[in-house]
Amino acid sequence: MALQVTVWNENVHEREEPSVAERYPDGIHGAVADALDERGFETRTATLDEDEHGLTEPVLAETDVLVWWSHCANGEVSDAVASRVVDRVHEGMGFVPLHSGKNSKPFKRLMGTTCNIKYRHGGETERVWVADPGHPIADGLPESFEIPATEMYGEPYDVPEPDRTVFISWFEGGEVFRSGLCYRRGRGRIFAFRPGHEEYPIFYQDEVQQVIGNAVEWAAPTEGSDAVWGEVEPANREG
């Protein structure tokens, strides 16, 4: 059975900025979902203006991996929905925040830090280097790839030490950034991927689509063993 992927997007820039709407006529969520569809995943989309932001309990219960793009409306996500997402990650749902999804309520709660960075607009070239070539998220990628124009993110990046750093980016202004980070929270796997600024057609780029597809496969739930919580009787008894 194909993995069930929900692609969430606040869908604000596309409605308010003609240039973004022209670039992503079906929304950023549509572009990402289409690319995942082509790779054999079962996808659905959800946006901020839907009831419960489209992330109802039944939707999340059926979601193996949640891909999340957000930027200017992070604060508009309800605390209840953010908590619901965090709970599902702890239960085993994969979570892949893209670009400014690092500032989303779910990601910041899962990290427990500010997730602050330095940044600069201006359309600089980004070179994404594969720092962990043995990691499954790097499958099928060259040693590095170039994003012709993007927003710069720079270190320091206020997140906990990751389990693995898959990508490191260099920008023509001289900054570097840990642009592909893996975490585990509870049963859930998280992969935070930096590229994806709305002013540029980054989500149509083959390498970026490859990374997101690989990340969905990696972040998918695993069986594991049953967890027992709360007060218990001794495991060993005499007699």
Protein backbone atom coordinates (compact mmCIF):
# COMPACT_ATOMS: atom_id res chain seq x y z
CA MET A 1 0.00 0.00 0.00
CA ALA A 2 1.31 3.44 -0.94
CA LEU A 3 2.31 5.82 1.80
CA GLN A 4 -0.39 8.36 2.68
CA VAL A 5 1.08 11.88 2.53
CA THR A 6 -0.63 15.12 3.49
CA VAL A 7 0.97 18.29 2.08
CA TRP A 8 0.03 21.33 4.18
CA ASN A 9 0.51 24.93 3.08
CA GLU A 10 -0.74 28.16 4.61
CA ASN A 11 -1.55 29.27 1.01
CA VAL A 12 -1.32 32.97 1.81
CA HIS A 13 1.35 34.27 -0.59
CA GLU A 14 -0.39 32.57 -3.51
CA ARG A 15 -3.64 34.42 -2.74
CA GLU A 16 -2.08 37.80 -1.99
CA GLU A 17 0.92 38.07 -4.33
CA PRO A 18 0.29 37.76 -8.11
CA SER A 19 3.89 36.76 -8.84
CA VAL A 20 3.66 33.80 -6.44
CA ALA A 21 0.27 32.80 -7.83
CA GLU A 22 1.72 32.84 -11.34
CA ARG A 23 4.70 30.78 -10.23
CA TYR A 24 2.58 28.27 -8.30
CA PRO A 25 -0.89 28.36 -9.91
CA ASP A 26 -2.02 25.37 -7.84
CA GLY A 27 -0.25 26.63 -4.73
CA ILE A 28 3.04 25.44 -3.29
CA HIS A 29 1.09 22.53 -1.80
CA GLY A 30 -0.11 21.60 -5.28
CA ALA A 31 3.41 21.62 -6.75
CA VAL A 32 4.82 19.50 -3.92
CA ALA A 33 1.86 17.08 -3.98
CA ASP A 34 2.10 16.65 -7.76
CA ALA A 35 5.79 15.77 -7.49
CA LEU A 36 5.06 13.22 -4.77
CA ASP A 37 2.18 11.77 -6.80
CA GLU A 38 4.60 11.14 -9.66
CA ARG A 39 6.77 9.16 -7.26
CA GLY A 40 3.90 6.85 -6.32
CA PHE A 41 2.70 8.34 -3.04
CA GLU A 42 -0.97 8.82 -2.21
CA THR A 43 -1.26 12.53 -1.50
CA ARG A 44 -3.84 14.97 -0.23
CA THR A 45 -3.47 18.67 0.49
CA ALA A 46 -4.66 20.91 3.31
CA THR A 47 -4.48 24.66 3.86
CA LEU A 48 -4.79 27.21 6.62
CA ASP A 49 -8.25 28.49 5.67
CA GLU A 50 -9.96 25.10 5.84
CA ASP A 51 -11.85 23.98 8.94
CA GLU A 52 -9.27 22.98 11.56
CA HIS A 53 -6.71 23.98 8.88
CA GLY A 54 -7.58 20.77 7.06
CA LEU A 55 -5.79 18.77 9.76
CA THR A 56 -8.69 17.12 11.51
CA GLU A 57 -8.15 14.11 13.73
CA PRO A 58 -9.35 11.69 11.00
CA VAL A 59 -7.04 13.27 8.40
CA LEU A 60 -4.00 13.05 10.66
CA ALA A 61 -4.92 9.51 11.72
CA GLU A 62 -4.71 8.50 8.05
CA THR A 63 -1.47 10.43 7.38
CA ASP A 64 1.83 8.56 7.34
CA VAL A 65 3.91 11.67 6.63
CA LEU A 66 2.95 15.35 6.93
CA VAL A 67 4.87 17.75 4.66
CA TRP A 68 4.53 21.35 5.90
CA TRP A 69 5.20 24.70 4.20
CA SER A 70 4.52 27.96 5.98
CA HIS A 71 5.93 31.44 6.28
CA CYS A 72 3.95 34.58 7.12
CA ALA A 73 1.01 32.95 8.92
CA ASN A 74 2.73 30.65 11.40
CA GLY A 75 1.02 32.43 14.29
CA GLU A 76 -2.43 31.88 12.78
CA VAL A 77 -2.28 28.12 13.23
CA SER A 78 -4.42 27.21 16.21
CA ASP A 79 -2.71 25.84 19.29
CA ALA A 80 -5.10 22.90 19.28
CA VAL A 81 -4.15 21.85 15.75
CA ALA A 82 -0.44 22.35 16.47
CA SER A 83 -0.73 20.12 19.54
CA ARG A 84 -2.59 17.54 17.46
CA VAL A 85 0.26 17.44 14.95
CA VAL A 86 2.88 17.14 17.70
CA ASP A 87 0.95 14.29 19.31
CA ARG A 88 0.77 12.43 16.00
CA VAL A 89 4.51 12.82 15.50
CA HIS A 90 5.09 11.28 18.92
CA GLU A 91 2.78 8.44 17.88
CA GLY A 92 4.83 7.77 14.74
CA MET A 93 3.73 10.12 11.94
CA GLY A 94 6.61 11.52 9.90
CA PHE A 95 7.00 15.29 9.71
CA VAL A 96 8.86 17.17 6.94
CA PRO A 97 8.86 20.96 7.47
CA LEU A 98 10.08 22.89 4.42
CA HIS A 99 11.82 26.29 4.40
CA SER A 100 10.09 28.63 6.89
CA GLY A 101 8.17 25.68 8.27
CA LYS A 102 11.04 25.79 10.75
CA ASN A 103 9.07 28.59 12.42
CA SER A 104 5.83 26.62 12.55
CA LYS A 105 4.26 25.92 15.91
CA PRO A 106 4.61 22.13 15.55
CA PHE A 107 8.32 22.25 14.67
CA LYS A 108 9.21 24.76 17.39
CA ARG A 109 7.35 22.70 19.97
CA LEU A 110 9.09 19.53 18.83
CA MET A 111 12.49 21.24 18.99
CA GLY A 112 11.90 23.15 22.24
CA THR A 113 13.99 26.09 20.98
CA THR A 114 13.47 29.40 19.14
CA CYS A 115 14.66 27.96 15.78
CA ASN A 116 16.10 31.43 15.06
CA ILE A 117 18.46 32.07 12.15
CA LYS A 118 19.99 34.95 10.25
CA TYR A 119 18.57 35.60 6.77
CA ARG A 120 18.79 37.89 3.73
CA HIS A 121 16.59 38.41 0.69
CA GLY A 122 18.09 39.04 -2.71
CA GLY A 123 18.11 35.93 -4.89
CA GLU A 124 21.57 34.55 -4.11
CA THR A 125 22.83 31.26 -5.45
CA GLU A 126 22.77 28.37 -2.97
CA ARG A 127 24.95 25.29 -3.30
CA VAL A 128 23.58 22.35 -1.33
CA TRP A 129 26.29 19.87 -0.34
CA VAL A 130 25.55 16.28 0.63
CA ALA A 131 27.18 16.01 4.06
CA ASP A 132 26.02 12.44 4.76
CA PRO A 133 26.21 10.52 1.46
CA GLY A 134 25.23 7.23 3.11
CA HIS A 135 21.90 8.55 4.34
CA PRO A 136 18.75 7.39 2.47
CA ILE A 137 17.56 10.98 2.03
CA ALA A 138 20.64 11.57 -0.15
CA ASP A 139 19.86 8.65 -2.49
CA GLY A 140 20.12 9.53 -6.16
CA LEU A 141 21.71 12.94 -5.60
CA PRO A 142 25.06 14.24 -6.86
CA GLU A 143 27.80 15.40 -4.49
CA SER A 144 26.20 18.84 -4.54
CA PHE A 145 23.55 20.73 -6.47
CA GLU A 146 22.86 24.39 -7.11
CA ILE A 147 19.71 26.42 -6.52
CA PRO A 148 20.15 29.41 -8.84
CA ALA A 149 18.29 32.01 -6.74
CA THR A 150 16.92 31.87 -3.22
CA GLU A 151 16.68 33.55 0.16
CA MET A 152 19.77 33.13 2.34
CA TYR A 153 19.61 31.36 5.69
CA GLY A 154 22.73 31.54 7.84
CA GLU A 155 24.14 30.06 11.02
CA PRO A 156 23.78 30.05 13.93
CA TYR A 157 20.60 28.00 13.77
CA ASP A 158 18.97 27.66 17.19
CA VAL A 159 17.88 24.05 17.08
CA PRO A 160 18.98 21.04 19.13
CA GLU A 161 21.90 18.99 17.87
CA PRO A 162 20.41 16.81 15.11
CA ASP A 163 20.65 13.05 14.94
CA ARG A 164 22.10 13.42 11.41
CA THR A 165 23.02 16.38 9.21
CA VAL A 166 22.33 15.31 5.64
CA PHE A 167 22.88 18.63 3.81
CA ILE A 168 24.92 21.78 4.35
CA SER A 169 24.33 24.85 2.18
CA TRP A 170 26.74 27.55 1.06
CA PHE A 171 25.53 30.93 -0.23
CA GLU A 172 27.35 33.32 -2.50
CA GLY A 173 27.37 35.94 0.27
CA GLY A 174 29.64 33.59 2.23
CA GLU A 175 27.23 32.15 4.81
CA VAL A 176 26.66 28.47 5.45
CA PHE A 177 23.63 26.66 6.90
CA ARG A 178 22.71 23.17 8.09
CA SER A 179 19.99 22.71 5.51
CA GLY A 180 18.88 19.10 6.03
CA LEU A 181 18.47 17.88 9.63
CA CYS A 182 17.08 14.62 11.01
CA TYR A 183 15.42 14.18 14.39
CA ARG A 184 13.34 11.62 16.19
CA ARG A 185 10.64 12.54 18.69
CA GLY A 186 8.82 9.64 20.28
CA ARG A 187 8.12 7.19 17.46
CA GLY A 188 8.14 9.91 14.79
CA ARG A 189 10.90 10.93 12.40
CA ILE A 190 11.42 14.57 11.42
CA PHE A 191 13.40 15.97 8.50
CA ALA A 192 13.77 19.76 8.27
CA PHE A 193 14.72 20.91 4.75
CA ARG A 194 15.75 24.52 4.15
CA PRO A 195 15.09 25.28 0.43
CA GLY A 196 11.72 26.51 -0.79
CA HIS A 197 11.34 30.30 -0.69
CA GLU A 198 8.09 31.29 -2.42
CA GLU A 199 9.70 33.95 -4.66
CA TYR A 200 11.50 31.30 -6.72
CA PRO A 201 10.45 28.10 -8.58
CA ILE A 202 12.47 25.88 -6.25
CA PHE A 203 9.85 23.15 -5.82
CA TYR A 204 9.97 22.37 -9.54
CA GLN A 205 13.69 21.55 -9.36
CA ASP A 206 14.48 17.85 -9.82
CA GLU A 207 16.96 17.61 -6.96
CA VAL A 208 14.60 19.31 -4.52
CA GLN A 209 11.78 16.98 -5.52
CA GLN A 210 14.15 14.03 -5.09
CA VAL A 211 15.05 15.15 -1.57
CA ILE A 212 11.41 15.56 -0.54
CA GLY A 213 10.47 12.17 -1.98
CA ASN A 214 13.38 10.50 -0.21
CA ALA A 215 12.49 12.28 3.02
CA VAL A 216 8.89 11.03 2.87
CA GLU A 217 10.10 7.45 2.48
CA TRP A 218 12.59 7.84 5.34
CA ALA A 219 10.12 9.53 7.69
CA ALA A 220 7.38 6.94 7.20
CA PRO A 221 6.17 5.18 10.36
CA THR A 222 7.97 2.04 11.48
CA GLU A 223 6.47 -0.85 13.41
CA GLY A 224 8.75 -0.86 16.47
CA SER A 225 7.57 -2.54 19.64
CA ASP A 226 4.56 -1.82 21.83
CA ALA A 227 5.07 0.88 24.43
CA VAL A 228 3.57 0.55 27.89
CA TRP A 229 3.02 3.74 29.87
CA GLY A 230 2.03 4.50 33.43
CA GLU A 231 2.20 2.42 36.59
CA VAL A 232 2.96 -1.28 36.09
CA GLU A 233 3.43 -4.42 38.15
CA PRO A 234 6.95 -5.87 38.48
CA ALA A 235 8.09 -7.76 35.41
CA ASN A 236 9.72 -10.43 37.59
CA ARG A 237 7.77 -12.18 40.32
CA GLU A 238 8.98 -14.80 42.79
CA GLY A 239 7.40 -18.20 42.65
